Amino acid sequence: WYQRRVREAVVSTQSTGDIVKAIKGLVVMSAELEAMFKFMLVGKVPELWAAKSYPSLKPLGSYVIDLLARLKFFQNWITKGIPKVFWISGFYFTQSFLTGATQNFARKYKIPIDHLTFSFEVMKSEETMDAKPEDGVYVHGLFIEGAVWDRETMMMGEAAPKILYDTIPVVWLKPIEKKDLSTTGHSTNFVMFMLMASDLPQEHWINRGVALLTQLDD
């Protein structure tokens, strides 16, 4: 993960430096550099960067800020140790992180990993926790579309007019044994189902197209 992020940063830095040199007339403005420059002029992520990058719909400015935040997250993990709360939006392949969390639980309790799933508990803290959980992981960085998370009732609530997204506080992902061992195929953009507290039936939120997102496109 960290090496992939570093490669992205190196490609971005080197290609940006080449463009600066080309503008100054120190190197030839190749077709690749010209195409990259045109993308930058309209605030889009250059194709050269996108080919080496994690999937993102963010404009150029937001993309660079997001990339630097991901690098900082992994650097802190390396220098300061395993975090108490993981920034789930910062992973290239979120499913592999979740598999790692279930593997730790499976080894600890000697349970086959394919017999495990997650239960979910939304905490009151927005981003930090005082300690790691005994089992499972704390994560933050999720957004909810089509609804809000009511901090008073600790349940899903109706979204306010003209409010597209709401942030979700820290979520405790707790591995548990599942009753149904069947699986179904999903898009690679799909991470997992997450059950959240509500005083309304599931159909109500399904009709509103409610979904949790790991990142936004702004």
Protein backbone atom coordinates (compact mmCIF):
# COMPACT_ATOMS: atom_id res chain seq x y z
CA TRP A 1 0.00 0.00 0.00
CA TYR A 2 2.60 2.51 1.12
CA GLN A 3 4.97 1.66 -1.74
CA ARG A 4 2.13 2.15 -4.23
CA ARG A 5 1.36 5.57 -2.75
CA VAL A 6 5.03 6.54 -2.93
CA ARG A 7 5.20 5.52 -6.60
CA GLU A 8 2.22 7.75 -7.31
CA ALA A 9 3.93 10.67 -5.58
CA VAL A 10 7.18 10.05 -7.48
CA VAL A 11 5.41 9.94 -10.85
CA SER A 12 3.50 13.13 -10.00
CA THR A 13 6.63 14.95 -8.85
CA GLN A 14 8.82 13.89 -11.78
CA SER A 15 6.23 14.66 -14.45
CA THR A 16 5.40 18.04 -12.90
CA GLY A 17 9.10 18.89 -12.86
CA ASP A 18 9.37 17.93 -16.54
CA ILE A 19 6.49 20.26 -17.42
CA VAL A 20 8.17 23.17 -15.63
CA LYS A 21 11.39 22.48 -17.55
CA ALA A 22 9.47 22.25 -20.85
CA ILE A 23 7.76 25.60 -20.24
CA LYS A 24 11.19 27.15 -19.58
CA GLY A 25 12.51 25.60 -22.79
CA LEU A 26 15.00 23.37 -21.01
CA VAL A 27 13.49 20.13 -22.38
CA VAL A 28 11.30 19.27 -25.35
CA MET A 29 7.54 19.50 -24.75
CA SER A 30 6.57 15.95 -25.72
CA ALA A 31 3.04 14.93 -26.67
CA GLU A 32 2.70 13.23 -23.27
CA LEU A 33 3.75 16.37 -21.38
CA GLU A 34 1.49 18.55 -23.52
CA ALA A 35 -1.51 16.31 -22.84
CA MET A 36 -0.69 16.40 -19.13
CA PHE A 37 -0.43 20.19 -19.19
CA LYS A 38 -3.85 20.49 -20.85
CA PHE A 39 -5.41 18.33 -18.13
CA MET A 40 -3.85 20.55 -15.46
CA LEU A 41 -5.19 23.71 -17.10
CA VAL A 42 -8.77 22.48 -16.65
CA GLY A 43 -8.17 21.04 -13.16
CA LYS A 44 -8.30 17.35 -14.09
CA VAL A 45 -6.01 14.54 -12.97
CA PRO A 46 -3.59 13.80 -15.87
CA GLU A 47 -3.97 10.39 -17.49
CA LEU A 48 -0.31 9.66 -16.68
CA TRP A 49 -1.09 10.00 -12.99
CA ALA A 50 -4.45 8.19 -13.17
CA ALA A 51 -2.76 5.15 -14.74
CA LYS A 52 -0.63 4.74 -11.59
CA SER A 53 -3.28 5.85 -9.12
CA TYR A 54 -6.10 4.54 -6.99
CA PRO A 55 -9.58 5.17 -8.50
CA SER A 56 -10.71 8.75 -7.92
CA LEU A 57 -13.22 11.19 -9.42
CA LYS A 58 -11.80 14.19 -7.57
CA PRO A 59 -10.60 17.29 -9.45
CA LEU A 60 -6.86 17.89 -9.53
CA GLY A 61 -6.60 20.11 -6.44
CA SER A 62 -8.65 17.81 -4.23
CA TYR A 63 -6.86 14.76 -5.62
CA VAL A 64 -3.44 16.10 -4.62
CA ILE A 65 -4.68 16.92 -1.10
CA ASP A 66 -6.17 13.42 -0.82
CA LEU A 67 -2.96 11.75 -2.05
CA LEU A 68 -0.85 13.64 0.48
CA ALA A 69 -3.30 12.70 3.27
CA ARG A 70 -2.98 9.03 2.32
CA LEU A 71 0.81 9.23 2.35
CA LYS A 72 0.70 10.87 5.79
CA PHE A 73 -1.67 8.17 7.10
CA PHE A 74 0.66 5.35 6.08
CA GLN A 75 3.79 7.20 7.20
CA ASN A 76 2.26 7.66 10.66
CA TRP A 77 1.38 3.95 10.68
CA ILE A 78 5.03 3.11 9.98
CA THR A 79 6.61 5.55 12.43
CA LYS A 80 4.06 5.54 15.25
CA GLY A 81 2.72 1.99 15.05
CA ILE A 82 -0.73 0.54 14.38
CA PRO A 83 -3.35 3.30 14.72
CA LYS A 84 -6.22 3.08 17.19
CA VAL A 85 -8.61 4.14 14.41
CA PHE A 86 -8.01 3.35 10.73
CA TRP A 87 -8.85 5.85 8.00
CA ILE A 88 -10.80 3.44 5.81
CA SER A 89 -10.91 5.91 2.91
CA GLY A 90 -7.12 5.82 2.67
CA PHE A 91 -6.79 2.22 1.46
CA TYR A 92 -6.26 1.36 -2.20
CA PHE A 93 -8.13 -1.95 -1.86
CA THR A 94 -10.40 -1.74 1.17
CA GLN A 95 -11.45 -5.39 0.96
CA SER A 96 -7.89 -6.58 1.70
CA PHE A 97 -7.82 -4.50 4.90
CA LEU A 98 -11.13 -6.02 6.00
CA THR A 99 -9.84 -9.50 5.20
CA GLY A 100 -6.82 -8.80 7.39
CA ALA A 101 -9.09 -7.78 10.27
CA THR A 102 -11.09 -11.02 10.01
CA GLN A 103 -7.88 -13.07 9.68
CA ASN A 104 -6.60 -11.72 12.99
CA PHE A 105 -9.89 -12.66 14.66
CA ALA A 106 -9.95 -16.10 13.00
CA ARG A 107 -6.42 -16.91 14.20
CA LYS A 108 -7.15 -15.67 17.71
CA TYR A 109 -10.29 -17.78 18.17
CA LYS A 110 -9.42 -20.62 15.75
CA ILE A 111 -12.50 -20.03 13.56
CA PRO A 112 -12.45 -20.56 9.75
CA ILE A 113 -12.27 -17.13 8.14
CA ASP A 114 -15.06 -17.94 5.67
CA HIS A 115 -17.39 -18.41 8.67
CA LEU A 116 -16.95 -14.78 9.74
CA THR A 117 -18.69 -11.55 8.94
CA PHE A 118 -18.85 -8.15 10.63
CA SER A 119 -21.25 -6.57 13.06
CA PHE A 120 -21.25 -2.78 13.25
CA GLU A 121 -21.45 -0.29 16.07
CA VAL A 122 -21.33 3.44 15.41
CA MET A 123 -19.47 5.19 18.23
CA LYS A 124 -20.02 8.69 19.59
CA SER A 125 -16.50 9.90 18.76
CA GLU A 126 -16.10 11.46 15.32
CA GLU A 127 -12.52 10.45 14.46
CA THR A 128 -10.48 9.26 17.45
CA MET A 129 -10.68 6.65 20.22
CA ASP A 130 -8.72 6.31 23.45
CA ALA A 131 -7.67 2.71 22.79
CA LYS A 132 -7.87 -0.09 20.23
CA PRO A 133 -10.81 -2.51 20.49
CA GLU A 134 -10.25 -5.95 22.01
CA ASP A 135 -11.46 -7.52 18.76
CA GLY A 136 -12.06 -6.04 15.34
CA VAL A 137 -11.07 -2.53 14.26
CA TYR A 138 -12.24 1.05 14.58
CA VAL A 139 -12.56 2.93 11.28
CA HIS A 140 -13.47 6.46 10.29
CA GLY A 141 -13.81 8.35 7.02
CA LEU A 142 -17.21 7.12 5.83
CA PHE A 143 -19.90 9.33 4.29
CA ILE A 144 -23.62 8.61 4.07
CA GLU A 145 -25.68 9.63 1.03
CA GLY A 146 -29.46 10.00 1.12
CA ALA A 147 -29.69 10.14 4.92
CA VAL A 148 -27.88 11.45 8.00
CA TRP A 149 -26.56 9.88 11.18
CA ASP A 150 -28.43 11.40 14.12
CA ARG A 151 -25.86 11.95 16.89
CA GLU A 152 -28.59 12.19 19.56
CA THR A 153 -30.65 9.09 18.79
CA MET A 154 -27.62 7.20 17.37
CA MET A 155 -29.76 6.09 14.45
CA MET A 156 -30.21 6.97 10.80
CA GLY A 157 -32.38 9.99 10.12
CA GLU A 158 -33.86 11.89 7.21
CA ALA A 159 -31.44 14.11 5.31
CA ALA A 160 -32.02 17.86 5.46
CA PRO A 161 -33.04 19.61 2.21
CA LYS A 162 -30.13 20.28 -0.18
CA ILE A 163 -27.74 18.23 2.00
CA LEU A 164 -26.31 15.45 -0.15
CA TYR A 165 -23.90 13.84 2.30
CA ASP A 166 -23.24 13.48 6.01
CA THR A 167 -20.17 12.17 7.79
CA ILE A 168 -20.29 9.02 9.90
CA PRO A 169 -18.52 8.87 13.29
CA VAL A 170 -16.07 6.12 14.16
CA VAL A 171 -17.48 2.66 13.38
CA TRP A 172 -16.46 -0.47 15.28
CA LEU A 173 -16.21 -3.41 12.88
CA LYS A 174 -16.58 -6.50 15.04
CA PRO A 175 -16.02 -9.95 13.47
CA ILE A 176 -18.73 -12.48 14.34
CA GLU A 177 -19.69 -15.93 13.10
CA LYS A 178 -22.23 -15.72 10.33
CA LYS A 179 -25.24 -17.96 9.93
CA ASP A 180 -25.49 -17.88 6.13
CA LEU A 181 -22.31 -18.97 4.34
CA SER A 182 -23.57 -18.15 0.83
CA THR A 183 -21.87 -15.39 -1.17
CA THR A 184 -22.85 -13.29 -4.17
CA GLY A 185 -20.76 -11.43 -6.72
CA HIS A 186 -20.47 -7.66 -6.53
CA SER A 187 -18.77 -4.88 -8.41
CA THR A 188 -15.15 -4.20 -7.41
CA ASN A 189 -16.40 -0.81 -6.19
CA PHE A 190 -18.59 -2.58 -3.63
CA VAL A 191 -16.94 -3.03 -0.24
CA MET A 192 -19.57 -4.64 2.00
CA PHE A 193 -23.05 -4.36 3.43
CA MET A 194 -23.22 -2.41 6.68
CA LEU A 195 -26.21 -2.70 9.02
CA MET A 196 -27.01 0.51 10.89
CA ALA A 197 -29.56 1.32 13.58
CA SER A 198 -32.89 2.75 12.40
CA ASP A 199 -36.46 3.01 13.64
CA LEU A 200 -37.74 2.71 10.06
CA PRO A 201 -37.87 -0.43 7.85
CA GLN A 202 -35.09 -1.21 5.38
CA GLU A 203 -37.42 -0.51 2.45
CA HIS A 204 -37.66 3.14 3.52
CA TRP A 205 -33.91 3.69 3.07
CA ILE A 206 -33.68 1.50 -0.02
CA ASN A 207 -36.27 3.70 -1.74
CA ARG A 208 -34.13 6.73 -0.90
CA GLY A 209 -31.05 5.14 -2.39
CA VAL A 210 -29.08 5.41 0.84
CA ALA A 211 -25.44 4.31 0.62
CA LEU A 212 -22.20 4.64 2.54
CA LEU A 213 -19.24 6.01 0.60
CA THR A 214 -15.52 5.82 1.33
CA GLN A 215 -14.76 9.01 -0.63
CA LEU A 216 -16.51 11.87 -2.39
CA ASP A 217 -15.81 13.35 -5.82
CA ASP A 218 -15.15 16.92 -4.64
